[in-house]
Amino acid sequence: MRVLLELVRIILIFGILGGILSQLLKNVYLAFGMDAYNYGWIGYIAILIFLFVLYRNKWQFSGWYKGKGREKLPKKVSQVLTFVVIILLLSPPVISIVMS
């Protein structure tokens, strides 16, 4: 039962928080005059990776599941994924400028 509750929690975190963050990112891209409709999906992938890193390093320890396999991502992996998130978030503006 705890596993099912944790799964529902993960779906809600990624669904609701991911939706809010992607709408915010879309508005930021549009405010800067970028083509958020063609290149915004790159930023959305960045948001999902960001939420994954947050979940694995922080949020999984405050949930219902108490079984084995609960460990943080290695520090190097967290750093690489965070760097990838930054690159992906900055890519749509660059691509939009280059393609104009």
PDB file of N, CA and C in Angstrom:
ATOM      1  N   MET A   1       0.816  -1.198   0.000  1.00  0.00           N
ATOM      2  CA  MET A   1       0.000   0.000   0.000  1.00  0.00           C
ATOM      3  C   MET A   1       0.862   1.265   0.000  1.00  0.00           C
ATOM      4  N   ARG A   2       1.975   1.217   0.752  1.00  0.00           N
ATOM      5  CA  ARG A   2       2.866   2.374   0.806  1.00  0.00           C
ATOM      6  C   ARG A   2       3.477   2.667  -0.563  1.00  0.00           C
ATOM      7  N   VAL A   3       3.776   1.613  -1.304  1.00  0.00           N
ATOM      8  CA  VAL A   3       4.356   1.795  -2.638  1.00  0.00           C
ATOM      9  C   VAL A   3       3.358   2.495  -3.543  1.00  0.00           C
ATOM     10  N   LEU A   4       2.101   2.090  -3.469  1.00  0.00           N
ATOM     11  CA  LEU A   4       1.054   2.714  -4.284  1.00  0.00           C
ATOM     12  C   LEU A   4       0.874   4.187  -3.913  1.00  0.00           C
ATOM     13  N   LEU A   5       0.883   4.479  -2.627  1.00  0.00           N
ATOM     14  CA  LEU A   5       0.764   5.870  -2.192  1.00  0.00           C
ATOM     15  C   LEU A   5       1.949   6.705  -2.679  1.00  0.00           C
ATOM     16  N   GLU A   6       3.141   6.118  -2.635  1.00  0.00           N
ATOM     17  CA  GLU A   6       4.325   6.832  -3.110  1.00  0.00           C
ATOM     18  C   GLU A   6       4.251   7.069  -4.620  1.00  0.00           C
ATOM     19  N   LEU A   7       3.734   6.107  -5.351  1.00  0.00           N
ATOM     20  CA  LEU A   7       3.561   6.274  -6.799  1.00  0.00           C
ATOM     21  C   LEU A   7       2.587   7.405  -7.113  1.00  0.00           C
ATOM     22  N   VAL A   8       1.498   7.460  -6.383  1.00  0.00           N
ATOM     23  CA  VAL A   8       0.529   8.538  -6.572  1.00  0.00           C
ATOM     24  C   VAL A   8       1.180   9.879  -6.242  1.00  0.00           C
ATOM     25  N   ARG A   9       1.969   9.893  -5.175  1.00  0.00           N
ATOM     26  CA  ARG A   9       2.675  11.110  -4.781  1.00  0.00           C
ATOM     27  C   ARG A   9       3.635  11.572  -5.874  1.00  0.00           C
ATOM     28  N   ILE A  10       4.376  10.644  -6.466  1.00  0.00           N
ATOM     29  CA  ILE A  10       5.311  10.983  -7.538  1.00  0.00           C
ATOM     30  C   ILE A  10       4.563  11.545  -8.740  1.00  0.00           C
ATOM     31  N   ILE A  11       3.468  10.906  -9.109  1.00  0.00           N
ATOM     32  CA  ILE A  11       2.681  11.373 -10.249  1.00  0.00           C
ATOM     33  C   ILE A  11       2.143  12.779 -10.002  1.00  0.00           C
ATOM     34  N   LEU A  12       1.668  13.029  -8.779  1.00  0.00           N
ATOM     35  CA  LEU A  12       1.153  14.361  -8.458  1.00  0.00           C
ATOM     36  C   LEU A  12       2.262  15.410  -8.452  1.00  0.00           C
ATOM     37  N   ILE A  13       3.419  15.056  -7.889  1.00  0.00           N
ATOM     38  CA  ILE A  13       4.533  16.010  -7.870  1.00  0.00           C
ATOM     39  C   ILE A  13       4.936  16.370  -9.293  1.00  0.00           C
ATOM     40  N   PHE A  14       5.160  15.352 -10.117  1.00  0.00           N
ATOM     41  CA  PHE A  14       5.607  15.617 -11.480  1.00  0.00           C
ATOM     42  C   PHE A  14       4.500  16.263 -12.304  1.00  0.00           C
ATOM     43  N   GLY A  15       3.265  15.848 -12.099  1.00  0.00           N
ATOM     44  CA  GLY A  15       2.156  16.398 -12.879  1.00  0.00           C
ATOM     45  C   GLY A  15       1.830  17.826 -12.520  1.00  0.00           C
ATOM     46  N   ILE A  16       1.594  18.076 -11.249  1.00  0.00           N
ATOM     47  CA  ILE A  16       1.168  19.410 -10.829  1.00  0.00           C
ATOM     48  C   ILE A  16       2.328  20.398 -10.839  1.00  0.00           C
ATOM     49  N   LEU A  17       3.417  20.049 -10.159  1.00  0.00           N
ATOM     50  CA  LEU A  17       4.553  20.964 -10.107  1.00  0.00           C
ATOM     51  C   LEU A  17       5.200  21.121 -11.479  1.00  0.00           C
ATOM     52  N   GLY A  18       5.282  20.033 -12.237  1.00  0.00           N
ATOM     53  CA  GLY A  18       5.815  20.113 -13.593  1.00  0.00           C
ATOM     54  C   GLY A  18       4.957  20.987 -14.483  1.00  0.00           C
ATOM     55  N   GLY A  19       3.638  20.876 -14.344  1.00  0.00           N
ATOM     56  CA  GLY A  19       2.733  21.715 -15.127  1.00  0.00           C
ATOM     57  C   GLY A  19       2.855  23.188 -14.788  1.00  0.00           C
ATOM     58  N   ILE A  20       2.960  23.481 -13.500  1.00  0.00           N
ATOM     59  CA  ILE A  20       3.106  24.877 -13.072  1.00  0.00           C
ATOM     60  C   ILE A  20       4.424  25.460 -13.572  1.00  0.00           C
ATOM     61  N   LEU A  21       5.509  24.704 -13.393  1.00  0.00           N
ATOM     62  CA  LEU A  21       6.812  25.196 -13.828  1.00  0.00           C
ATOM     63  C   LEU A  21       6.891  25.343 -15.347  1.00  0.00           C
ATOM     64  N   SER A  22       6.269  24.417 -16.096  1.00  0.00           N
ATOM     65  CA  SER A  22       6.328  24.545 -17.549  1.00  0.00           C
ATOM     66  C   SER A  22       5.485  25.717 -18.050  1.00  0.00           C
ATOM     67  N   GLN A  23       4.387  25.991 -17.397  1.00  0.00           N
ATOM     68  CA  GLN A  23       3.593  27.160 -17.785  1.00  0.00           C
ATOM     69  C   GLN A  23       4.358  28.444 -17.472  1.00  0.00           C
ATOM     70  N   LEU A  24       5.032  28.473 -16.341  1.00  0.00           N
ATOM     71  CA  LEU A  24       5.849  29.630 -15.982  1.00  0.00           C
ATOM     72  C   LEU A  24       6.996  29.814 -16.983  1.00  0.00           C
ATOM     73  N   LEU A  25       7.646  28.720 -17.342  1.00  0.00           N
ATOM     74  CA  LEU A  25       8.739  28.783 -18.315  1.00  0.00           C
ATOM     75  C   LEU A  25       8.239  29.246 -19.681  1.00  0.00           C
ATOM     76  N   LYS A  26       7.082  28.764 -20.078  1.00  0.00           N
ATOM     77  CA  LYS A  26       6.492  29.186 -21.358  1.00  0.00           C
ATOM     78  C   LYS A  26       6.233  30.691 -21.355  1.00  0.00           C
ATOM     79  N   ASN A  27       5.710  31.202 -20.238  1.00  0.00           N
ATOM     80  CA  ASN A  27       5.450  32.644 -20.142  1.00  0.00           C
ATOM     81  C   ASN A  27       6.740  33.452 -20.178  1.00  0.00           C
ATOM     82  N   VAL A  28       7.799  32.928 -19.564  1.00  0.00           N
ATOM     83  CA  VAL A  28       9.098  33.617 -19.606  1.00  0.00           C
ATOM     84  C   VAL A  28       9.628  33.639 -21.030  1.00  0.00           C
ATOM     85  N   TYR A  29       9.556  32.497 -21.710  1.00  0.00           N
ATOM     86  CA  TYR A  29      10.015  32.441 -23.099  1.00  0.00           C
ATOM     87  C   TYR A  29       9.223  33.409 -23.972  1.00  0.00           C
ATOM     88  N   LEU A  30       7.917  33.456 -23.803  1.00  0.00           N
ATOM     89  CA  LEU A  30       7.089  34.358 -24.603  1.00  0.00           C
ATOM     90  C   LEU A  30       7.355  35.817 -24.271  1.00  0.00           C
ATOM     91  N   ALA A  31       7.644  36.112 -22.996  1.00  0.00           N
ATOM     92  CA  ALA A  31       7.932  37.491 -22.593  1.00  0.00           C
ATOM     93  C   ALA A  31       9.215  38.000 -23.240  1.00  0.00           C
ATOM     94  N   PHE A  32      10.143  37.115 -23.486  1.00  0.00           N
ATOM     95  CA  PHE A  32      11.386  37.507 -24.146  1.00  0.00           C
ATOM     96  C   PHE A  32      11.289  37.416 -25.659  1.00  0.00           C
ATOM     97  N   GLY A  33      10.108  37.126 -26.169  1.00  0.00           N
ATOM     98  CA  GLY A  33       9.895  37.114 -27.606  1.00  0.00           C
ATOM     99  C   GLY A  33      10.422  35.879 -28.313  1.00  0.00           C
ATOM    100  N   MET A  34      10.539  34.785 -27.599  1.00  0.00           N
ATOM    101  CA  MET A  34      11.053  33.557 -28.208  1.00  0.00           C
ATOM    102  C   MET A  34       9.903  32.696 -28.716  1.00  0.00           C
ATOM    103  N   ASP A  35      10.234  31.790 -29.583  1.00  0.00           N
ATOM    104  CA  ASP A  35       9.251  30.878 -30.146  1.00  0.00           C
ATOM    105  C   ASP A  35       9.055  29.697 -29.193  1.00  0.00           C
ATOM    106  N   ALA A  36       8.225  29.903 -28.169  1.00  0.00           N
ATOM    107  CA  ALA A  36       8.028  28.885 -27.139  1.00  0.00           C
ATOM    108  C   ALA A  36       7.230  27.689 -27.656  1.00  0.00           C
ATOM    109  N   TYR A  37       6.506  27.872 -28.734  1.00  0.00           N
ATOM    110  CA  TYR A  37       5.673  26.785 -29.237  1.00  0.00           C
ATOM    111  C   TYR A  37       6.484  25.744 -30.007  1.00  0.00           C
ATOM    112  N   ASN A  38       7.551  26.163 -30.658  1.00  0.00           N
ATOM    113  CA  ASN A  38       8.384  25.217 -31.404  1.00  0.00           C
ATOM    114  C   ASN A  38       9.537  24.661 -30.588  1.00  0.00           C
ATOM    115  N   TYR A  39      10.092  25.467 -29.677  1.00  0.00           N
ATOM    116  CA  TYR A  39      11.285  25.054 -28.949  1.00  0.00           C
ATOM    117  C   TYR A  39      11.064  24.919 -27.448  1.00  0.00           C
ATOM    118  N   GLY A  40       9.873  25.159 -26.971  1.00  0.00           N
ATOM    119  CA  GLY A  40       9.586  25.080 -25.543  1.00  0.00           C
ATOM    120  C   GLY A  40       9.714  23.685 -24.962  1.00  0.00           C
ATOM    121  N   TRP A  41       9.540  22.665 -25.801  1.00  0.00           N
ATOM    122  CA  TRP A  41       9.625  21.290 -25.309  1.00  0.00           C
ATOM    123  C   TRP A  41      11.009  20.981 -24.754  1.00  0.00           C
ATOM    124  N   ILE A  42      12.034  21.678 -25.207  1.00  0.00           N
ATOM    125  CA  ILE A  42      13.377  21.461 -24.673  1.00  0.00           C
ATOM    126  C   ILE A  42      13.427  21.911 -23.212  1.00  0.00           C
ATOM    127  N   GLY A  43      12.803  23.018 -22.923  1.00  0.00           N
ATOM    128  CA  GLY A  43      12.716  23.495 -21.540  1.00  0.00           C
ATOM    129  C   GLY A  43      11.875  22.584 -20.668  1.00  0.00           C
ATOM    130  N   TYR A  44      10.844  21.976 -21.242  1.00  0.00           N
ATOM    131  CA  TYR A  44       9.991  21.069 -20.481  1.00  0.00           C
ATOM    132  C   TYR A  44      10.762  19.813 -20.071  1.00  0.00           C
ATOM    133  N   ILE A  45      11.636  19.344 -20.943  1.00  0.00           N
ATOM    134  CA  ILE A  45      12.493  18.201 -20.595  1.00  0.00           C
ATOM    135  C   ILE A  45      13.421  18.593 -19.451  1.00  0.00           C
ATOM    136  N   ALA A  46      13.929  19.817 -19.484  1.00  0.00           N
ATOM    137  CA  ALA A  46      14.795  20.305 -18.409  1.00  0.00           C
ATOM    138  C   ALA A  46      14.051  20.310 -17.071  1.00  0.00           C
ATOM    139  N   ILE A  47      12.791  20.698 -17.096  1.00  0.00           N
ATOM    140  CA  ILE A  47      11.987  20.716 -15.868  1.00  0.00           C
ATOM    141  C   ILE A  47      11.821  19.301 -15.322  1.00  0.00           C
ATOM    142  N   LEU A  48      11.557  18.342 -16.187  1.00  0.00           N
ATOM    143  CA  LEU A  48      11.406  16.954 -15.730  1.00  0.00           C
ATOM    144  C   LEU A  48      12.703  16.414 -15.124  1.00  0.00           C
ATOM    145  N   ILE A  49      13.827  16.721 -15.739  1.00  0.00           N
ATOM    146  CA  ILE A  49      15.114  16.284 -15.186  1.00  0.00           C
ATOM    147  C   ILE A  49      15.354  16.956 -13.838  1.00  0.00           C
ATOM    148  N   PHE A  50      15.034  18.230 -13.735  1.00  0.00           N
ATOM    149  CA  PHE A  50      15.198  18.971 -12.485  1.00  0.00           C
ATOM    150  C   PHE A  50      14.344  18.360 -11.368  1.00  0.00           C
ATOM    151  N   LEU A  51      13.094  18.039 -11.683  1.00  0.00           N
ATOM    152  CA  LEU A  51      12.225  17.420 -10.685  1.00  0.00           C
ATOM    153  C   LEU A  51      12.733  16.040 -10.283  1.00  0.00           C
ATOM    154  N   PHE A  52      13.282  15.296 -11.243  1.00  0.00           N
ATOM    155  CA  PHE A  52      13.859  13.993 -10.937  1.00  0.00           C
ATOM    156  C   PHE A  52      15.014  14.115  -9.949  1.00  0.00           C
ATOM    157  N   VAL A  53      15.905  15.072 -10.175  1.00  0.00           N
ATOM    158  CA  VAL A  53      17.044  15.270  -9.270  1.00  0.00           C
ATOM    159  C   VAL A  53      16.556  15.678  -7.886  1.00  0.00           C
ATOM    160  N   LEU A  54      15.592  16.591  -7.828  1.00  0.00           N
ATOM    161  CA  LEU A  54      15.036  16.995  -6.536  1.00  0.00           C
ATOM    162  C   LEU A  54      14.381  15.823  -5.809  1.00  0.00           C
ATOM    163  N   TYR A  55      13.641  15.020  -6.551  1.00  0.00           N
ATOM    164  CA  TYR A  55      12.977  13.885  -5.918  1.00  0.00           C
ATOM    165  C   TYR A  55      13.999  12.901  -5.361  1.00  0.00           C
ATOM    166  N   ARG A  56      14.977  12.545  -6.172  1.00  0.00           N
ATOM    167  CA  ARG A  56      15.956  11.534  -5.734  1.00  0.00           C
ATOM    168  C   ARG A  56      16.843  12.026  -4.596  1.00  0.00           C
ATOM    169  N   ASN A  57      17.109  13.330  -4.526  1.00  0.00           N
ATOM    170  CA  ASN A  57      18.009  13.837  -3.501  1.00  0.00           C
ATOM    171  C   ASN A  57      17.302  14.351  -2.255  1.00  0.00           C
ATOM    172  N   LYS A  58      16.047  14.719  -2.339  1.00  0.00           N
ATOM    173  CA  LYS A  58      15.354  15.310  -1.186  1.00  0.00           C
ATOM    174  C   LYS A  58      14.003  14.648  -0.890  1.00  0.00           C
ATOM    175  N   TRP A  59      13.118  14.684  -1.874  1.00  0.00           N
ATOM    176  CA  TRP A  59      11.725  14.357  -1.611  1.00  0.00           C
ATOM    177  C   TRP A  59      11.456  12.887  -1.346  1.00  0.00           C
ATOM    178  N   GLN A  60      12.279  11.987  -1.829  1.00  0.00           N
ATOM    179  CA  GLN A  60      12.013  10.567  -1.625  1.00  0.00           C
ATOM    180  C   GLN A  60      12.142  10.174  -0.154  1.00  0.00           C
ATOM    181  N   PHE A  61      12.860  10.961   0.622  1.00  0.00           N
ATOM    182  CA  PHE A  61      13.067  10.634   2.029  1.00  0.00           C
ATOM    183  C   PHE A  61      11.935  11.129   2.912  1.00  0.00           C
ATOM    184  N   SER A  62      11.017  11.907   2.353  1.00  0.00           N
ATOM    185  CA  SER A  62       9.885  12.399   3.136  1.00  0.00           C
ATOM    186  C   SER A  62       8.575  11.732   2.726  1.00  0.00           C
ATOM    187  N   GLY A  63       8.647  10.687   1.929  1.00  0.00           N
ATOM    188  CA  GLY A  63       7.437  10.025   1.444  1.00  0.00           C
ATOM    189  C   GLY A  63       7.020   8.845   2.292  1.00  0.00           C
ATOM    190  N   TRP A  64       6.104   8.049   1.741  1.00  0.00           N
ATOM    191  CA  TRP A  64       5.559   6.904   2.455  1.00  0.00           C
ATOM    192  C   TRP A  64       6.420   5.658   2.336  1.00  0.00           C
ATOM    193  N   TYR A  65       7.136   5.525   1.246  1.00  0.00           N
ATOM    194  CA  TYR A  65       7.913   4.307   1.008  1.00  0.00           C
ATOM    195  C   TYR A  65       9.143   4.278   1.911  1.00  0.00           C
ATOM    196  N   LYS A  66       9.321   3.180   2.631  1.00  0.00           N
ATOM    197  CA  LYS A  66      10.442   3.055   3.561  1.00  0.00           C
ATOM    198  C   LYS A  66      11.330   1.857   3.228  1.00  0.00           C
ATOM    199  N   GLY A  67      11.161   1.257   2.061  1.00  0.00           N
ATOM    200  CA  GLY A  67      11.903   0.057   1.685  1.00  0.00           C
ATOM    201  C   GLY A  67      13.316   0.355   1.231  1.00  0.00           C
ATOM    202  N   LYS A  68      13.941  -0.683   0.673  1.00  0.00           N
ATOM    203  CA  LYS A  68      15.322  -0.515   0.222  1.00  0.00           C
ATOM    204  C   LYS A  68      15.358   0.212  -1.123  1.00  0.00           C
ATOM    205  N   GLY A  69      16.528   0.668  -1.477  1.00  0.00           N
ATOM    206  CA  GLY A  69      16.683   1.387  -2.738  1.00  0.00           C
ATOM    207  C   GLY A  69      16.536   2.883  -2.602  1.00  0.00           C
ATOM    208  N   ARG A  70      16.357   3.359  -1.386  1.00  0.00           N
ATOM    209  CA  ARG A  70      16.233   4.807  -1.168  1.00  0.00           C
ATOM    210  C   ARG A  70      17.614   5.380  -0.898  1.00  0.00           C
ATOM    211  N   GLU A  71      18.231   5.924  -1.899  1.00  0.00           N
ATOM    212  CA  GLU A  71      19.528   6.568  -1.721  1.00  0.00           C
ATOM    213  C   GLU A  71      19.624   7.755  -2.665  1.00  0.00           C
ATOM    214  N   LYS A  72      20.440   8.698  -2.271  1.00  0.00           N
ATOM    215  CA  LYS A  72      20.633   9.885  -3.097  1.00  0.00           C
ATOM    216  C   LYS A  72      21.398   9.527  -4.363  1.00  0.00           C
ATOM    217  N   LEU A  73      21.234  10.378  -5.359  1.00  0.00           N
ATOM    218  CA  LEU A  73      22.058  10.249  -6.554  1.00  0.00           C
ATOM    219  C   LEU A  73      23.503  10.575  -6.173  1.00  0.00           C
ATOM    220  N   PRO A  74      24.468   9.942  -6.831  1.00  0.00           N
ATOM    221  CA  PRO A  74      25.852  10.342  -6.572  1.00  0.00           C
ATOM    222  C   PRO A  74      26.047  11.826  -6.887  1.00  0.00           C
ATOM    223  N   LYS A  75      26.943  12.446  -6.145  1.00  0.00           N
ATOM    224  CA  LYS A  75      27.147  13.895  -6.281  1.00  0.00           C
ATOM    225  C   LYS A  75      27.514  14.288  -7.708  1.00  0.00           C
ATOM    226  N   LYS A  76      28.366  13.501  -8.336  1.00  0.00           N
ATOM    227  CA  LYS A  76      28.792  13.799  -9.710  1.00  0.00           C
ATOM    228  C   LYS A  76      27.601  13.731 -10.678  1.00  0.00           C
ATOM    229  N   VAL A  77      26.734  12.734 -10.502  1.00  0.00           N
ATOM    230  CA  VAL A  77      25.542  12.601 -11.360  1.00  0.00           C
ATOM    231  C   VAL A  77      24.620  13.796 -11.162  1.00  0.00           C
ATOM    232  N   SER A  78      24.433  14.209  -9.914  1.00  0.00           N
ATOM    233  CA  SER A  78      23.592  15.376  -9.635  1.00  0.00           C
ATOM    234  C   SER A  78      24.152  16.630 -10.298  1.00  0.00           C
ATOM    235  N   GLN A  79      25.465  16.791 -10.247  1.00  0.00           N
ATOM    236  CA  GLN A  79      26.093  17.959 -10.859  1.00  0.00           C
ATOM    237  C   GLN A  79      25.943  17.938 -12.372  1.00  0.00           C
ATOM    238  N   VAL A  80      26.145  16.775 -12.977  1.00  0.00           N
ATOM    239  CA  VAL A  80      26.028  16.662 -14.438  1.00  0.00           C
ATOM    240  C   VAL A  80      24.584  16.935 -14.864  1.00  0.00           C
ATOM    241  N   LEU A  81      23.621  16.345 -14.160  1.00  0.00           N
ATOM    242  CA  LEU A  81      22.212  16.556 -14.514  1.00  0.00           C
ATOM    243  C   LEU A  81      21.801  18.017 -14.327  1.00  0.00           C
ATOM    244  N   THR A  82      22.307  18.662 -13.290  1.00  0.00           N
ATOM    245  CA  THR A  82      22.008  20.083 -13.086  1.00  0.00           C
ATOM    246  C   THR A  82      22.598  20.925 -14.208  1.00  0.00           C
ATOM    247  N   PHE A  83      23.799  20.584 -14.648  1.00  0.00           N
ATOM    248  CA  PHE A  83      24.420  21.277 -15.774  1.00  0.00           C
ATOM    249  C   PHE A  83      23.599  21.065 -17.052  1.00  0.00           C
ATOM    250  N   VAL A  84      23.119  19.848 -17.262  1.00  0.00           N
ATOM    251  CA  VAL A  84      22.278  19.551 -18.430  1.00  0.00           C
ATOM    252  C   VAL A  84      20.992  20.367 -18.376  1.00  0.00           C
ATOM    253  N   VAL A  85      20.403  20.489 -17.192  1.00  0.00           N
ATOM    254  CA  VAL A  85      19.178  21.286 -17.030  1.00  0.00           C
ATOM    255  C   VAL A  85      19.440  22.738 -17.439  1.00  0.00           C
ATOM    256  N   ILE A  86      20.541  23.297 -16.992  1.00  0.00           N
ATOM    257  CA  ILE A  86      20.867  24.687 -17.320  1.00  0.00           C
ATOM    258  C   ILE A  86      21.054  24.852 -18.827  1.00  0.00           C
ATOM    259  N   ILE A  87      21.782  23.924 -19.427  1.00  0.00           N
ATOM    260  CA  ILE A  87      21.998  23.983 -20.877  1.00  0.00           C
ATOM    261  C   ILE A  87      20.666  23.879 -21.625  1.00  0.00           C
ATOM    262  N   LEU A  88      19.813  22.956 -21.196  1.00  0.00           N
ATOM    263  CA  LEU A  88      18.516  22.787 -21.872  1.00  0.00           C
ATOM    264  C   LEU A  88      17.622  24.009 -21.697  1.00  0.00           C
ATOM    265  N   LEU A  89      17.665  24.641 -20.531  1.00  0.00           N
ATOM    266  CA  LEU A  89      16.847  25.835 -20.317  1.00  0.00           C
ATOM    267  C   LEU A  89      17.322  27.014 -21.168  1.00  0.00           C
ATOM    268  N   LEU A  90      18.609  27.081 -21.426  1.00  0.00           N
ATOM    269  CA  LEU A  90      19.154  28.171 -22.229  1.00  0.00           C
ATOM    270  C   LEU A  90      19.130  27.888 -23.716  1.00  0.00           C
ATOM    271  N   SER A  91      18.874  26.669 -24.108  1.00  0.00           N
ATOM    272  CA  SER A  91      18.877  26.302 -25.531  1.00  0.00           C
ATOM    273  C   SER A  91      17.762  26.951 -26.355  1.00  0.00           C
ATOM    274  N   PRO A  92      16.510  26.954 -25.915  1.00  0.00           N
ATOM    275  CA  PRO A  92      15.462  27.552 -26.752  1.00  0.00           C
ATOM    276  C   PRO A  92      15.708  29.004 -27.137  1.00  0.00           C
ATOM    277  N   PRO A  93      16.190  29.869 -26.223  1.00  0.00           N
ATOM    278  CA  PRO A  93      16.477  31.234 -26.682  1.00  0.00           C
ATOM    279  C   PRO A  93      17.561  31.279 -27.749  1.00  0.00           C
ATOM    280  N   VAL A  94      18.593  30.480 -27.568  1.00  0.00           N
ATOM    281  CA  VAL A  94      19.696  30.469 -28.541  1.00  0.00           C
ATOM    282  C   VAL A  94      19.202  29.944 -29.883  1.00  0.00           C
ATOM    283  N   ILE A  95      18.466  28.858 -29.867  1.00  0.00           N
ATOM    284  CA  ILE A  95      17.942  28.278 -31.110  1.00  0.00           C
ATOM    285  C   ILE A  95      16.993  29.247 -31.793  1.00  0.00           C
ATOM    286  N   SER A  96      16.159  29.905 -31.008  1.00  0.00           N
ATOM    287  CA  SER A  96      15.199  30.861 -31.556  1.00  0.00           C
ATOM    288  C   SER A  96      15.913  32.032 -32.230  1.00  0.00           C
ATOM    289  N   ILE A  97      17.005  32.493 -31.631  1.00  0.00           N
ATOM    290  CA  ILE A  97      17.761  33.595 -32.226  1.00  0.00           C
ATOM    291  C   ILE A  97      18.460  33.143 -33.501  1.00  0.00           C
ATOM    292  N   VAL A  98      19.058  31.960 -33.452  1.00  0.00           N
ATOM    293  CA  VAL A  98      19.783  31.443 -34.625  1.00  0.00           C
ATOM    294  C   VAL A  98      18.842  31.196 -35.796  1.00  0.00           C
ATOM    295  N   MET A  99      17.653  30.682 -35.518  1.00  0.00           N
ATOM    296  CA  MET A  99      16.714  30.331 -36.586  1.00  0.00           C
ATOM    297  C   MET A  99      15.961  31.543 -37.130  1.00  0.00           C
ATOM    298  N   SER A 100      16.071  32.711 -36.470  1.00  0.00           N
ATOM    299  CA  SER A 100      15.343  33.895 -36.942  1.00  0.00           C
ATOM    300  C   SER A 100      16.008  34.518 -38.140  1.00  0.00           C
TER     301      SER A 100
END
